[in-house]
N, C-alpha and C. Protein backbone atom coordinates (compact mmCIF):
# COMPACT_ATOMS: atom_id res chain seq x y z
N MET A 1 0.81 -1.20 0.00
CA MET A 1 0.00 0.00 0.00
C MET A 1 0.85 1.26 0.00
N VAL A 2 2.16 1.14 0.13
CA VAL A 2 3.01 2.32 0.16
C VAL A 2 3.08 2.90 -1.24
N GLN A 3 2.82 4.19 -1.38
CA GLN A 3 2.80 4.81 -2.70
C GLN A 3 3.96 5.77 -2.90
N ALA A 4 4.06 6.79 -2.06
CA ALA A 4 5.08 7.80 -2.35
C ALA A 4 5.41 8.58 -1.10
N VAL A 5 6.64 9.08 -1.06
CA VAL A 5 7.06 10.00 -0.02
C VAL A 5 6.45 11.36 -0.35
N VAL A 6 5.75 11.96 0.61
CA VAL A 6 5.10 13.22 0.32
C VAL A 6 5.75 14.39 1.06
N LYS A 7 6.67 14.09 1.92
CA LYS A 7 7.37 15.15 2.63
C LYS A 7 8.81 14.67 2.80
N PRO A 8 9.75 15.24 2.06
CA PRO A 8 11.08 14.66 1.98
C PRO A 8 11.90 14.72 3.25
N LYS A 9 11.69 15.71 4.08
CA LYS A 9 12.55 15.83 5.25
C LYS A 9 12.11 14.88 6.36
N ILE A 10 13.05 14.58 7.25
CA ILE A 10 12.76 13.73 8.40
C ILE A 10 11.97 14.53 9.43
N VAL A 11 10.90 13.93 9.93
CA VAL A 11 10.06 14.61 10.91
C VAL A 11 9.89 13.71 12.13
N THR A 12 9.52 14.32 13.23
CA THR A 12 9.19 13.57 14.43
C THR A 12 7.72 13.14 14.36
N PHE A 13 7.34 12.22 15.24
CA PHE A 13 5.94 11.81 15.26
C PHE A 13 5.04 12.98 15.63
N GLU A 14 5.49 13.82 16.53
CA GLU A 14 4.69 14.98 16.94
C GLU A 14 4.44 15.90 15.76
N GLU A 15 5.46 16.14 14.94
CA GLU A 15 5.29 16.98 13.75
C GLU A 15 4.34 16.31 12.75
N PHE A 16 4.49 15.01 12.60
CA PHE A 16 3.63 14.26 11.70
C PHE A 16 2.18 14.33 12.13
N ALA A 17 1.92 14.11 13.42
CA ALA A 17 0.56 14.12 13.93
C ALA A 17 -0.09 15.49 13.76
N GLU A 18 0.69 16.55 13.92
CA GLU A 18 0.16 17.90 13.76
C GLU A 18 -0.11 18.22 12.30
N TRP A 19 0.74 17.69 11.41
CA TRP A 19 0.63 17.98 9.97
C TRP A 19 -0.45 17.18 9.27
N LYS A 20 -0.68 15.94 9.68
CA LYS A 20 -1.51 15.00 8.92
C LYS A 20 -2.92 15.53 8.71
N PRO A 21 -3.36 15.61 7.44
CA PRO A 21 -4.73 16.05 7.17
C PRO A 21 -5.75 15.05 7.70
N ALA A 22 -6.84 15.55 8.19
CA ALA A 22 -7.88 14.69 8.75
C ALA A 22 -8.44 13.76 7.67
N GLY A 23 -8.63 12.48 8.05
CA GLY A 23 -9.23 11.52 7.15
C GLY A 23 -8.31 11.00 6.06
N SER A 24 -7.06 11.37 6.08
CA SER A 24 -6.11 10.96 5.04
C SER A 24 -5.38 9.69 5.47
N LEU A 25 -4.76 9.02 4.49
CA LEU A 25 -4.05 7.78 4.75
C LEU A 25 -2.55 8.00 4.59
N TYR A 26 -1.90 8.21 5.72
CA TYR A 26 -0.45 8.38 5.75
C TYR A 26 0.12 7.56 6.89
N GLU A 27 1.36 7.09 6.71
CA GLU A 27 2.12 6.47 7.78
C GLU A 27 3.45 7.19 7.90
N LEU A 28 4.11 6.95 9.02
CA LEU A 28 5.43 7.52 9.26
C LEU A 28 6.41 6.36 9.36
N HIS A 29 7.38 6.32 8.45
CA HIS A 29 8.38 5.26 8.43
C HIS A 29 9.76 5.85 8.70
N ASP A 30 10.26 5.63 9.92
CA ASP A 30 11.58 6.16 10.30
C ASP A 30 11.69 7.65 10.00
N GLY A 31 10.66 8.38 10.35
CA GLY A 31 10.68 9.83 10.19
C GLY A 31 10.29 10.34 8.82
N VAL A 32 9.96 9.45 7.90
CA VAL A 32 9.56 9.86 6.54
C VAL A 32 8.06 9.63 6.38
N ILE A 33 7.35 10.66 5.95
CA ILE A 33 5.92 10.56 5.75
C ILE A 33 5.64 9.84 4.43
N ILE A 34 4.78 8.83 4.51
CA ILE A 34 4.44 8.00 3.37
C ILE A 34 2.93 8.09 3.10
N GLU A 35 2.57 8.34 1.86
CA GLU A 35 1.16 8.32 1.48
C GLU A 35 0.77 6.91 1.08
N MET A 36 -0.34 6.45 1.60
CA MET A 36 -0.81 5.10 1.31
C MET A 36 -1.76 5.14 0.12
N SER A 37 -1.57 4.23 -0.84
CA SER A 37 -2.43 4.20 -2.01
C SER A 37 -3.79 3.62 -1.67
N GLN A 38 -4.77 3.91 -2.52
CA GLN A 38 -6.12 3.37 -2.33
C GLN A 38 -6.07 1.85 -2.47
N PRO A 39 -6.56 1.09 -1.49
CA PRO A 39 -6.52 -0.37 -1.57
C PRO A 39 -7.37 -0.92 -2.71
N LEU A 40 -7.00 -2.10 -3.21
CA LEU A 40 -7.80 -2.79 -4.20
C LEU A 40 -9.12 -3.26 -3.59
N GLY A 41 -10.10 -3.46 -4.45
CA GLY A 41 -11.40 -3.91 -3.97
C GLY A 41 -11.33 -5.22 -3.21
N ASP A 42 -10.58 -6.20 -3.76
CA ASP A 42 -10.49 -7.50 -3.09
C ASP A 42 -9.79 -7.39 -1.75
N HIS A 43 -8.82 -6.48 -1.65
CA HIS A 43 -8.15 -6.22 -0.37
C HIS A 43 -9.18 -5.81 0.68
N GLU A 44 -10.08 -4.93 0.31
CA GLU A 44 -11.09 -4.44 1.25
C GLU A 44 -12.12 -5.51 1.58
N VAL A 45 -12.40 -6.40 0.62
CA VAL A 45 -13.32 -7.51 0.90
C VAL A 45 -12.73 -8.44 1.95
N VAL A 46 -11.44 -8.79 1.79
CA VAL A 46 -10.76 -9.64 2.77
C VAL A 46 -10.73 -8.96 4.14
N LYS A 47 -10.38 -7.70 4.13
CA LYS A 47 -10.34 -6.94 5.38
C LYS A 47 -11.71 -6.92 6.05
N GLY A 48 -12.77 -6.66 5.27
CA GLY A 48 -14.11 -6.61 5.83
C GLY A 48 -14.56 -7.96 6.36
N PHE A 49 -14.24 -9.02 5.64
CA PHE A 49 -14.59 -10.37 6.08
C PHE A 49 -13.93 -10.70 7.41
N LEU A 50 -12.64 -10.44 7.51
CA LEU A 50 -11.93 -10.72 8.76
C LEU A 50 -12.41 -9.84 9.90
N THR A 51 -12.71 -8.59 9.59
CA THR A 51 -13.24 -7.69 10.62
C THR A 51 -14.52 -8.25 11.22
N ASN A 52 -15.44 -8.69 10.36
CA ASN A 52 -16.70 -9.24 10.86
C ASN A 52 -16.48 -10.48 11.72
N GLU A 53 -15.57 -11.36 11.29
CA GLU A 53 -15.31 -12.58 12.05
C GLU A 53 -14.74 -12.27 13.43
N ILE A 54 -13.82 -11.33 13.48
CA ILE A 54 -13.15 -11.02 14.75
C ILE A 54 -14.09 -10.27 15.69
N VAL A 55 -14.86 -9.32 15.15
CA VAL A 55 -15.81 -8.60 15.99
C VAL A 55 -16.83 -9.57 16.59
N PHE A 56 -17.33 -10.48 15.76
CA PHE A 56 -18.28 -11.48 16.27
C PHE A 56 -17.67 -12.28 17.41
N GLU A 57 -16.39 -12.66 17.26
CA GLU A 57 -15.76 -13.51 18.26
C GLU A 57 -15.53 -12.78 19.57
N TYR A 58 -15.03 -11.54 19.55
CA TYR A 58 -14.81 -10.89 20.84
C TYR A 58 -16.11 -10.45 21.50
N ARG A 59 -17.14 -10.23 20.70
CA ARG A 59 -18.44 -9.95 21.30
C ARG A 59 -19.03 -11.21 21.93
N ARG A 60 -18.85 -12.33 21.24
CA ARG A 60 -19.34 -13.60 21.78
C ARG A 60 -18.68 -13.91 23.12
N LEU A 61 -17.41 -13.58 23.24
CA LEU A 61 -16.65 -13.85 24.46
C LEU A 61 -16.77 -12.72 25.49
N ASN A 62 -17.50 -11.67 25.13
CA ASN A 62 -17.70 -10.53 26.03
C ASN A 62 -16.37 -9.92 26.48
N LEU A 63 -15.45 -9.76 25.52
CA LEU A 63 -14.16 -9.15 25.81
C LEU A 63 -14.21 -7.65 25.60
N PRO A 64 -13.42 -6.88 26.38
CA PRO A 64 -13.47 -5.42 26.30
C PRO A 64 -12.64 -4.86 25.13
N TYR A 65 -12.87 -5.39 23.94
CA TYR A 65 -12.11 -5.00 22.76
C TYR A 65 -12.96 -4.14 21.83
N PHE A 66 -12.29 -3.41 20.95
CA PHE A 66 -12.97 -2.71 19.87
C PHE A 66 -11.99 -2.47 18.74
N LEU A 67 -12.54 -2.17 17.56
CA LEU A 67 -11.73 -1.88 16.38
C LEU A 67 -11.89 -0.41 16.02
N PRO A 68 -10.85 0.39 16.16
CA PRO A 68 -10.94 1.80 15.77
C PRO A 68 -10.98 1.94 14.26
N ASN A 69 -11.54 3.02 13.78
CA ASN A 69 -11.56 3.28 12.35
C ASN A 69 -10.17 3.64 11.83
N GLN A 70 -9.52 4.57 12.52
CA GLN A 70 -8.15 4.95 12.18
C GLN A 70 -7.40 5.25 13.47
N ALA A 71 -6.45 4.40 13.80
CA ALA A 71 -5.61 4.63 14.97
C ALA A 71 -4.21 4.16 14.63
N PHE A 72 -3.23 4.89 15.13
CA PHE A 72 -1.84 4.58 14.84
C PHE A 72 -1.25 3.63 15.87
N VAL A 73 -0.36 2.79 15.39
CA VAL A 73 0.51 1.99 16.26
C VAL A 73 1.91 2.57 16.10
N LYS A 74 2.46 3.06 17.20
CA LYS A 74 3.75 3.75 17.15
C LYS A 74 4.82 2.99 17.93
N VAL A 75 5.99 2.91 17.36
CA VAL A 75 7.16 2.39 18.08
C VAL A 75 7.52 3.42 19.14
N SER A 76 7.57 3.00 20.40
CA SER A 76 7.68 3.96 21.51
C SER A 76 8.93 4.82 21.44
N ASP A 77 10.07 4.23 21.06
CA ASP A 77 11.31 5.01 21.06
C ASP A 77 11.79 5.32 19.64
N GLY A 78 10.87 5.30 18.67
CA GLY A 78 11.24 5.59 17.28
C GLY A 78 10.27 6.54 16.64
N GLU A 79 10.54 6.86 15.38
CA GLU A 79 9.69 7.79 14.64
C GLU A 79 8.96 7.05 13.52
N SER A 80 8.33 5.94 13.88
CA SER A 80 7.50 5.19 12.95
C SER A 80 6.11 5.02 13.56
N ALA A 81 5.09 5.17 12.71
CA ALA A 81 3.71 5.00 13.15
C ALA A 81 2.92 4.42 11.99
N TYR A 82 2.16 3.35 12.26
CA TYR A 82 1.47 2.61 11.22
C TYR A 82 -0.04 2.63 11.43
N LEU A 83 -0.76 2.51 10.30
CA LEU A 83 -2.21 2.36 10.31
C LEU A 83 -2.53 0.93 9.88
N PRO A 84 -2.63 -0.01 10.79
CA PRO A 84 -2.88 -1.40 10.40
C PRO A 84 -4.23 -1.56 9.71
N ASP A 85 -4.33 -2.61 8.89
CA ASP A 85 -5.62 -2.88 8.25
C ASP A 85 -6.67 -3.22 9.29
N ILE A 86 -6.31 -4.04 10.26
CA ILE A 86 -7.22 -4.36 11.36
C ILE A 86 -6.44 -4.24 12.67
N LEU A 87 -6.96 -3.45 13.57
CA LEU A 87 -6.30 -3.21 14.85
C LEU A 87 -7.31 -3.49 15.96
N VAL A 88 -7.05 -4.53 16.74
CA VAL A 88 -7.90 -4.86 17.88
C VAL A 88 -7.31 -4.18 19.12
N LEU A 89 -8.11 -3.36 19.77
CA LEU A 89 -7.62 -2.63 20.95
C LEU A 89 -8.32 -3.11 22.22
N ASN A 90 -7.54 -3.14 23.28
CA ASN A 90 -8.00 -3.51 24.62
C ASN A 90 -8.36 -2.22 25.35
N ARG A 91 -9.65 -1.93 25.41
CA ARG A 91 -10.10 -0.64 25.92
C ARG A 91 -9.57 -0.30 27.32
N PRO A 92 -9.56 -1.23 28.30
CA PRO A 92 -9.11 -0.85 29.65
C PRO A 92 -7.69 -0.31 29.72
N ASN A 93 -6.82 -0.71 28.79
CA ASN A 93 -5.43 -0.25 28.88
C ASN A 93 -5.20 1.12 28.26
N LEU A 94 -6.20 1.67 27.59
CA LEU A 94 -5.99 2.95 26.91
C LEU A 94 -5.72 4.09 27.89
N VAL A 95 -6.13 3.93 29.15
CA VAL A 95 -5.83 4.98 30.13
C VAL A 95 -4.33 5.10 30.37
N ASN A 96 -3.57 4.06 30.01
CA ASN A 96 -2.12 4.07 30.19
C ASN A 96 -1.37 4.54 28.94
N GLU A 97 -2.11 4.89 27.92
CA GLU A 97 -1.50 5.30 26.66
C GLU A 97 -1.39 6.83 26.61
N PRO A 98 -0.18 7.37 26.65
CA PRO A 98 -0.02 8.82 26.72
C PRO A 98 -0.45 9.57 25.46
N LEU A 99 -0.49 8.90 24.32
CA LEU A 99 -0.80 9.57 23.06
C LEU A 99 -2.23 9.32 22.59
N TRP A 100 -2.98 8.52 23.34
CA TRP A 100 -4.28 8.09 22.83
C TRP A 100 -5.27 9.24 22.68
N GLN A 101 -5.45 10.03 23.71
CA GLN A 101 -6.50 11.05 23.67
C GLN A 101 -6.28 12.10 22.59
N LYS A 102 -5.05 12.50 22.37
CA LYS A 102 -4.79 13.60 21.42
C LYS A 102 -4.56 13.12 19.99
N THR A 103 -4.00 11.91 19.83
CA THR A 103 -3.62 11.49 18.47
C THR A 103 -4.11 10.09 18.10
N SER A 104 -4.97 9.49 18.91
CA SER A 104 -5.48 8.13 18.63
C SER A 104 -4.33 7.18 18.32
N THR A 105 -3.33 7.19 19.19
CA THR A 105 -2.10 6.42 18.96
C THR A 105 -1.81 5.54 20.16
N VAL A 106 -1.44 4.28 19.88
CA VAL A 106 -1.07 3.35 20.94
C VAL A 106 0.39 2.93 20.77
N THR A 107 1.02 2.65 21.89
CA THR A 107 2.44 2.30 21.87
C THR A 107 2.76 1.07 22.70
N GLN A 108 1.75 0.49 23.37
CA GLN A 108 1.99 -0.61 24.30
C GLN A 108 1.33 -1.89 23.83
N GLY A 109 2.07 -2.98 23.94
CA GLY A 109 1.52 -4.27 23.57
C GLY A 109 0.27 -4.63 24.36
N ALA A 110 0.18 -4.16 25.59
CA ALA A 110 -0.98 -4.46 26.42
C ALA A 110 -2.27 -3.85 25.87
N SER A 111 -2.13 -2.88 24.99
CA SER A 111 -3.30 -2.25 24.37
C SER A 111 -3.74 -2.96 23.10
N ILE A 112 -2.90 -3.88 22.57
CA ILE A 112 -3.11 -4.42 21.23
C ILE A 112 -3.09 -5.94 21.27
N PRO A 113 -4.22 -6.59 21.52
CA PRO A 113 -4.24 -8.05 21.52
C PRO A 113 -3.88 -8.64 20.16
N LEU A 114 -4.28 -7.95 19.08
CA LEU A 114 -4.11 -8.51 17.75
C LEU A 114 -4.03 -7.39 16.72
N VAL A 115 -3.11 -7.55 15.77
CA VAL A 115 -3.03 -6.64 14.63
C VAL A 115 -2.94 -7.48 13.36
N ILE A 116 -3.60 -7.03 12.31
CA ILE A 116 -3.63 -7.77 11.04
C ILE A 116 -3.26 -6.84 9.90
N GLU A 117 -2.37 -7.30 9.04
CA GLU A 117 -2.04 -6.59 7.80
C GLU A 117 -2.43 -7.49 6.63
N VAL A 118 -3.22 -6.94 5.71
CA VAL A 118 -3.58 -7.63 4.47
C VAL A 118 -2.59 -7.15 3.41
N VAL A 119 -1.83 -8.07 2.86
CA VAL A 119 -0.68 -7.71 2.02
C VAL A 119 -1.12 -7.07 0.71
N SER A 120 -0.45 -5.98 0.36
CA SER A 120 -0.61 -5.34 -0.94
C SER A 120 0.73 -5.38 -1.66
N SER A 121 0.91 -4.50 -2.62
CA SER A 121 2.07 -4.59 -3.51
C SER A 121 3.41 -4.51 -2.79
N ASN A 122 3.53 -3.63 -1.81
CA ASN A 122 4.82 -3.49 -1.11
C ASN A 122 4.85 -4.44 0.09
N TRP A 123 5.01 -5.72 -0.20
CA TRP A 123 4.91 -6.74 0.84
C TRP A 123 6.04 -6.68 1.85
N ARG A 124 7.17 -6.11 1.46
CA ARG A 124 8.33 -6.11 2.37
C ARG A 124 8.06 -5.34 3.66
N VAL A 125 7.23 -4.33 3.58
CA VAL A 125 6.91 -3.56 4.79
C VAL A 125 6.21 -4.45 5.81
N ASP A 126 5.24 -5.25 5.35
CA ASP A 126 4.50 -6.14 6.25
C ASP A 126 5.37 -7.28 6.76
N TYR A 127 6.18 -7.85 5.87
CA TYR A 127 6.96 -9.05 6.21
C TYR A 127 8.24 -8.73 6.98
N LEU A 128 8.80 -7.56 6.78
CA LEU A 128 10.09 -7.24 7.38
C LEU A 128 9.99 -6.12 8.40
N THR A 129 9.58 -4.94 7.95
CA THR A 129 9.59 -3.76 8.82
C THR A 129 8.60 -3.89 9.97
N LYS A 130 7.36 -4.23 9.64
CA LYS A 130 6.34 -4.26 10.69
C LYS A 130 6.52 -5.46 11.62
N VAL A 131 7.03 -6.57 11.11
CA VAL A 131 7.33 -7.69 12.01
C VAL A 131 8.29 -7.25 13.10
N LYS A 132 9.36 -6.58 12.69
CA LYS A 132 10.37 -6.12 13.64
C LYS A 132 9.77 -5.13 14.64
N ASP A 133 9.01 -4.17 14.14
CA ASP A 133 8.48 -3.12 15.01
C ASP A 133 7.35 -3.63 15.90
N TYR A 134 6.47 -4.46 15.38
CA TYR A 134 5.39 -5.00 16.21
C TYR A 134 5.94 -5.91 17.30
N GLU A 135 7.00 -6.63 16.97
CA GLU A 135 7.67 -7.46 17.97
C GLU A 135 8.28 -6.58 19.06
N GLU A 136 8.91 -5.49 18.66
CA GLU A 136 9.52 -4.58 19.64
C GLU A 136 8.47 -3.96 20.54
N ILE A 137 7.33 -3.61 19.98
CA ILE A 137 6.25 -3.02 20.78
C ILE A 137 5.71 -4.04 21.78
N GLY A 138 5.77 -5.32 21.41
CA GLY A 138 5.26 -6.37 22.29
C GLY A 138 3.83 -6.76 21.98
N ILE A 139 3.42 -6.62 20.70
CA ILE A 139 2.08 -7.03 20.30
C ILE A 139 2.00 -8.55 20.33
N PRO A 140 1.07 -9.12 21.09
CA PRO A 140 1.07 -10.58 21.29
C PRO A 140 0.82 -11.39 20.03
N GLU A 141 0.05 -10.82 19.08
CA GLU A 141 -0.31 -11.60 17.90
C GLU A 141 -0.39 -10.70 16.67
N TYR A 142 0.27 -11.13 15.59
CA TYR A 142 0.30 -10.36 14.36
C TYR A 142 0.05 -11.30 13.18
N TRP A 143 -0.99 -11.00 12.41
CA TRP A 143 -1.30 -11.78 11.21
C TRP A 143 -0.81 -11.06 9.97
N ILE A 144 -0.20 -11.78 9.07
CA ILE A 144 0.04 -11.32 7.71
C ILE A 144 -0.87 -12.15 6.80
N VAL A 145 -1.82 -11.50 6.17
CA VAL A 145 -2.77 -12.19 5.30
C VAL A 145 -2.38 -11.91 3.85
N ASP A 146 -1.69 -12.86 3.26
CA ASP A 146 -1.17 -12.69 1.90
C ASP A 146 -2.07 -13.47 0.94
N TYR A 147 -3.25 -12.89 0.66
CA TYR A 147 -4.26 -13.61 -0.11
C TYR A 147 -3.91 -13.72 -1.59
N LEU A 148 -2.96 -12.91 -2.06
CA LEU A 148 -2.53 -12.98 -3.45
C LEU A 148 -1.21 -13.72 -3.63
N GLY A 149 -0.59 -14.12 -2.53
CA GLY A 149 0.70 -14.80 -2.63
C GLY A 149 1.78 -13.90 -3.18
N LEU A 150 1.91 -12.70 -2.62
CA LEU A 150 2.87 -11.71 -3.12
C LEU A 150 4.21 -11.75 -2.41
N GLY A 151 4.25 -12.30 -1.23
CA GLY A 151 5.46 -12.23 -0.40
C GLY A 151 6.63 -13.01 -0.97
N GLY A 152 7.79 -12.81 -0.36
CA GLY A 152 9.00 -13.50 -0.80
C GLY A 152 8.88 -15.01 -0.65
N ARG A 153 9.58 -15.73 -1.52
CA ARG A 153 9.51 -17.19 -1.51
C ARG A 153 10.00 -17.77 -0.19
N ARG A 154 10.91 -17.08 0.48
CA ARG A 154 11.40 -17.59 1.76
C ARG A 154 10.32 -17.55 2.83
N PHE A 155 9.25 -16.79 2.58
CA PHE A 155 8.15 -16.70 3.54
C PHE A 155 6.98 -17.59 3.16
N ILE A 156 6.65 -17.69 1.86
CA ILE A 156 5.42 -18.38 1.46
C ILE A 156 5.68 -19.53 0.50
N GLY A 157 6.95 -19.88 0.28
CA GLY A 157 7.25 -21.06 -0.51
C GLY A 157 7.46 -20.79 -1.98
N ASN A 158 7.92 -21.81 -2.68
CA ASN A 158 8.18 -21.75 -4.12
C ASN A 158 7.59 -22.99 -4.77
N PRO A 159 6.57 -22.85 -5.60
CA PRO A 159 5.98 -21.60 -6.09
C PRO A 159 5.20 -20.86 -4.99
N LYS A 160 5.07 -19.56 -5.19
CA LYS A 160 4.34 -18.76 -4.21
C LYS A 160 2.88 -19.19 -4.17
N GLN A 161 2.30 -19.09 -2.99
CA GLN A 161 0.89 -19.44 -2.83
C GLN A 161 0.28 -18.61 -1.71
N PRO A 162 -1.02 -18.35 -1.79
CA PRO A 162 -1.67 -17.58 -0.73
C PRO A 162 -1.42 -18.22 0.64
N THR A 163 -1.07 -17.38 1.58
CA THR A 163 -0.66 -17.87 2.90
C THR A 163 -1.07 -16.87 3.97
N ILE A 164 -1.47 -17.38 5.12
CA ILE A 164 -1.66 -16.56 6.31
C ILE A 164 -0.57 -16.93 7.29
N LEU A 165 0.18 -15.95 7.74
CA LEU A 165 1.25 -16.18 8.71
C LEU A 165 0.84 -15.54 10.03
N ILE A 166 0.78 -16.35 11.08
CA ILE A 166 0.43 -15.84 12.39
C ILE A 166 1.68 -15.83 13.26
N HIS A 167 2.01 -14.64 13.74
CA HIS A 167 3.17 -14.43 14.60
C HIS A 167 2.69 -14.36 16.04
N GLU A 168 3.16 -15.26 16.86
CA GLU A 168 2.81 -15.28 18.28
C GLU A 168 4.04 -14.88 19.09
N LEU A 169 3.87 -13.90 19.98
CA LEU A 169 4.98 -13.42 20.78
C LEU A 169 5.23 -14.39 21.94
N ILE A 170 6.39 -15.03 21.92
CA ILE A 170 6.78 -15.97 22.97
C ILE A 170 8.16 -15.57 23.47
N ASP A 171 8.24 -15.25 24.76
CA ASP A 171 9.51 -14.82 25.37
C ASP A 171 10.13 -13.67 24.58
N GLY A 172 9.28 -12.74 24.16
CA GLY A 172 9.77 -11.52 23.51
C GLY A 172 10.11 -11.67 22.05
N GLU A 173 9.88 -12.86 21.46
CA GLU A 173 10.19 -13.07 20.05
C GLU A 173 8.99 -13.70 19.35
N TYR A 174 8.82 -13.33 18.08
CA TYR A 174 7.73 -13.91 17.31
C TYR A 174 8.07 -15.32 16.84
N GLN A 175 7.15 -16.24 17.07
CA GLN A 175 7.18 -17.57 16.49
C GLN A 175 6.10 -17.61 15.42
N VAL A 176 6.43 -18.10 14.23
CA VAL A 176 5.54 -17.96 13.08
C VAL A 176 4.96 -19.32 12.69
N THR A 177 3.64 -19.33 12.43
CA THR A 177 2.96 -20.51 11.91
C THR A 177 2.24 -20.12 10.63
N GLN A 178 2.35 -20.97 9.60
CA GLN A 178 1.71 -20.72 8.31
C GLN A 178 0.41 -21.51 8.19
N PHE A 179 -0.55 -20.91 7.49
CA PHE A 179 -1.83 -21.57 7.25
C PHE A 179 -2.21 -21.39 5.79
N ARG A 180 -2.61 -22.52 5.17
CA ARG A 180 -3.01 -22.50 3.76
C ARG A 180 -4.22 -23.43 3.59
N GLY A 181 -4.90 -23.26 2.48
CA GLY A 181 -5.96 -24.19 2.10
C GLY A 181 -7.02 -24.35 3.18
N GLU A 182 -7.36 -25.60 3.47
CA GLU A 182 -8.43 -25.89 4.42
C GLU A 182 -7.94 -25.97 5.87
N GLU A 183 -6.71 -25.56 6.11
CA GLU A 183 -6.20 -25.57 7.48
C GLU A 183 -6.95 -24.55 8.33
N ARG A 184 -7.37 -24.97 9.50
CA ARG A 184 -8.03 -24.05 10.41
C ARG A 184 -6.98 -23.12 11.03
N ILE A 185 -7.27 -21.84 10.97
CA ILE A 185 -6.35 -20.84 11.51
C ILE A 185 -6.29 -20.97 13.03
N GLY A 186 -5.07 -21.00 13.56
CA GLY A 186 -4.89 -21.07 15.00
C GLY A 186 -4.52 -19.72 15.57
N SER A 187 -5.45 -19.09 16.26
CA SER A 187 -5.23 -17.77 16.83
C SER A 187 -5.04 -17.87 18.34
N PRO A 188 -3.89 -17.47 18.87
CA PRO A 188 -3.71 -17.48 20.32
C PRO A 188 -4.70 -16.58 21.06
N THR A 189 -5.06 -15.45 20.44
CA THR A 189 -5.99 -14.52 21.07
C THR A 189 -7.40 -15.05 21.06
N PHE A 190 -7.78 -15.72 19.96
CA PHE A 190 -9.13 -16.26 19.81
C PHE A 190 -9.04 -17.75 19.46
N PRO A 191 -8.70 -18.58 20.43
CA PRO A 191 -8.46 -20.00 20.15
C PRO A 191 -9.69 -20.76 19.68
N GLU A 192 -10.89 -20.24 19.93
CA GLU A 192 -12.12 -20.91 19.50
C GLU A 192 -12.61 -20.41 18.14
N LEU A 193 -11.85 -19.55 17.51
CA LEU A 193 -12.23 -19.04 16.20
C LEU A 193 -12.24 -20.17 15.18
N VAL A 194 -13.36 -20.35 14.51
CA VAL A 194 -13.49 -21.40 13.50
C VAL A 194 -13.43 -20.75 12.13
N LEU A 195 -12.24 -20.81 11.54
CA LEU A 195 -11.99 -20.12 10.27
C LEU A 195 -10.82 -20.78 9.57
N THR A 196 -10.99 -21.05 8.29
CA THR A 196 -9.89 -21.65 7.52
C THR A 196 -9.25 -20.61 6.62
N ALA A 197 -8.03 -20.90 6.20
CA ALA A 197 -7.35 -20.01 5.27
C ALA A 197 -8.15 -19.87 3.98
N SER A 198 -8.71 -20.96 3.48
CA SER A 198 -9.48 -20.91 2.24
C SER A 198 -10.68 -19.97 2.34
N GLN A 199 -11.34 -19.97 3.47
CA GLN A 199 -12.47 -19.07 3.64
C GLN A 199 -12.05 -17.62 3.50
N VAL A 200 -10.89 -17.29 4.04
CA VAL A 200 -10.38 -15.93 3.93
C VAL A 200 -10.03 -15.62 2.49
N PHE A 201 -9.32 -16.53 1.83
CA PHE A 201 -8.88 -16.28 0.45
C PHE A 201 -10.07 -16.21 -0.50
N GLN A 202 -11.06 -17.05 -0.29
CA GLN A 202 -12.24 -17.04 -1.17
C GLN A 202 -13.03 -15.75 -1.03
N ALA A 203 -12.94 -15.12 0.16
CA ALA A 203 -13.63 -13.85 0.34
C ALA A 203 -13.10 -12.79 -0.61
N GLY A 204 -11.81 -12.89 -0.94
CA GLY A 204 -11.20 -11.90 -1.81
C GLY A 204 -11.01 -12.36 -3.24
N SER A 205 -11.70 -13.43 -3.63
CA SER A 205 -11.47 -13.99 -4.97
C SER A 205 -12.47 -13.53 -6.01
N GLY A 206 -13.34 -12.64 -5.64
CA GLY A 206 -14.30 -12.21 -6.63
C GLY A 206 -14.98 -10.94 -6.25
């Protein structure tokens, strides 16, 4: 989804938050403002399908979670801030988030039970940059939903194939499990979720 650098100089997150136009799609990558391109239709179908499944599950379990429309995930000691495709927030911990009220920004793993990125053209950001940063933040669970099989062969095999990679934080490091075809997705946050990789991929196939 990364399209173009729109502000060449390095900026702080505070400068970025003050500058960002309301309702716009921008991220901050190591101090560089990035404009996000308009997602493909199938990307939004997959995102919407997963959103419905996850909302149903946390409501069924009566968990204090919600999905914000637009909220940033920021590396606490860096100048990067991301707008995940799906961000599950733990409402009770938001009182501990210093940036939440003014900039709708979270920095603590305790606030983020689950984050999901649906892969678009610039897959390296999801597979490399965000894995590193989400791990550093301490997000317990991170999904990469590569419904088009765009990622590197070292991640999704050769030949490439649609894959869901679930990163579970164990002892401060992500352990990765792949899901394809009719395999039931194993979510540490929602262990009773009944969903296969194929169901997700078929949502975006037409």
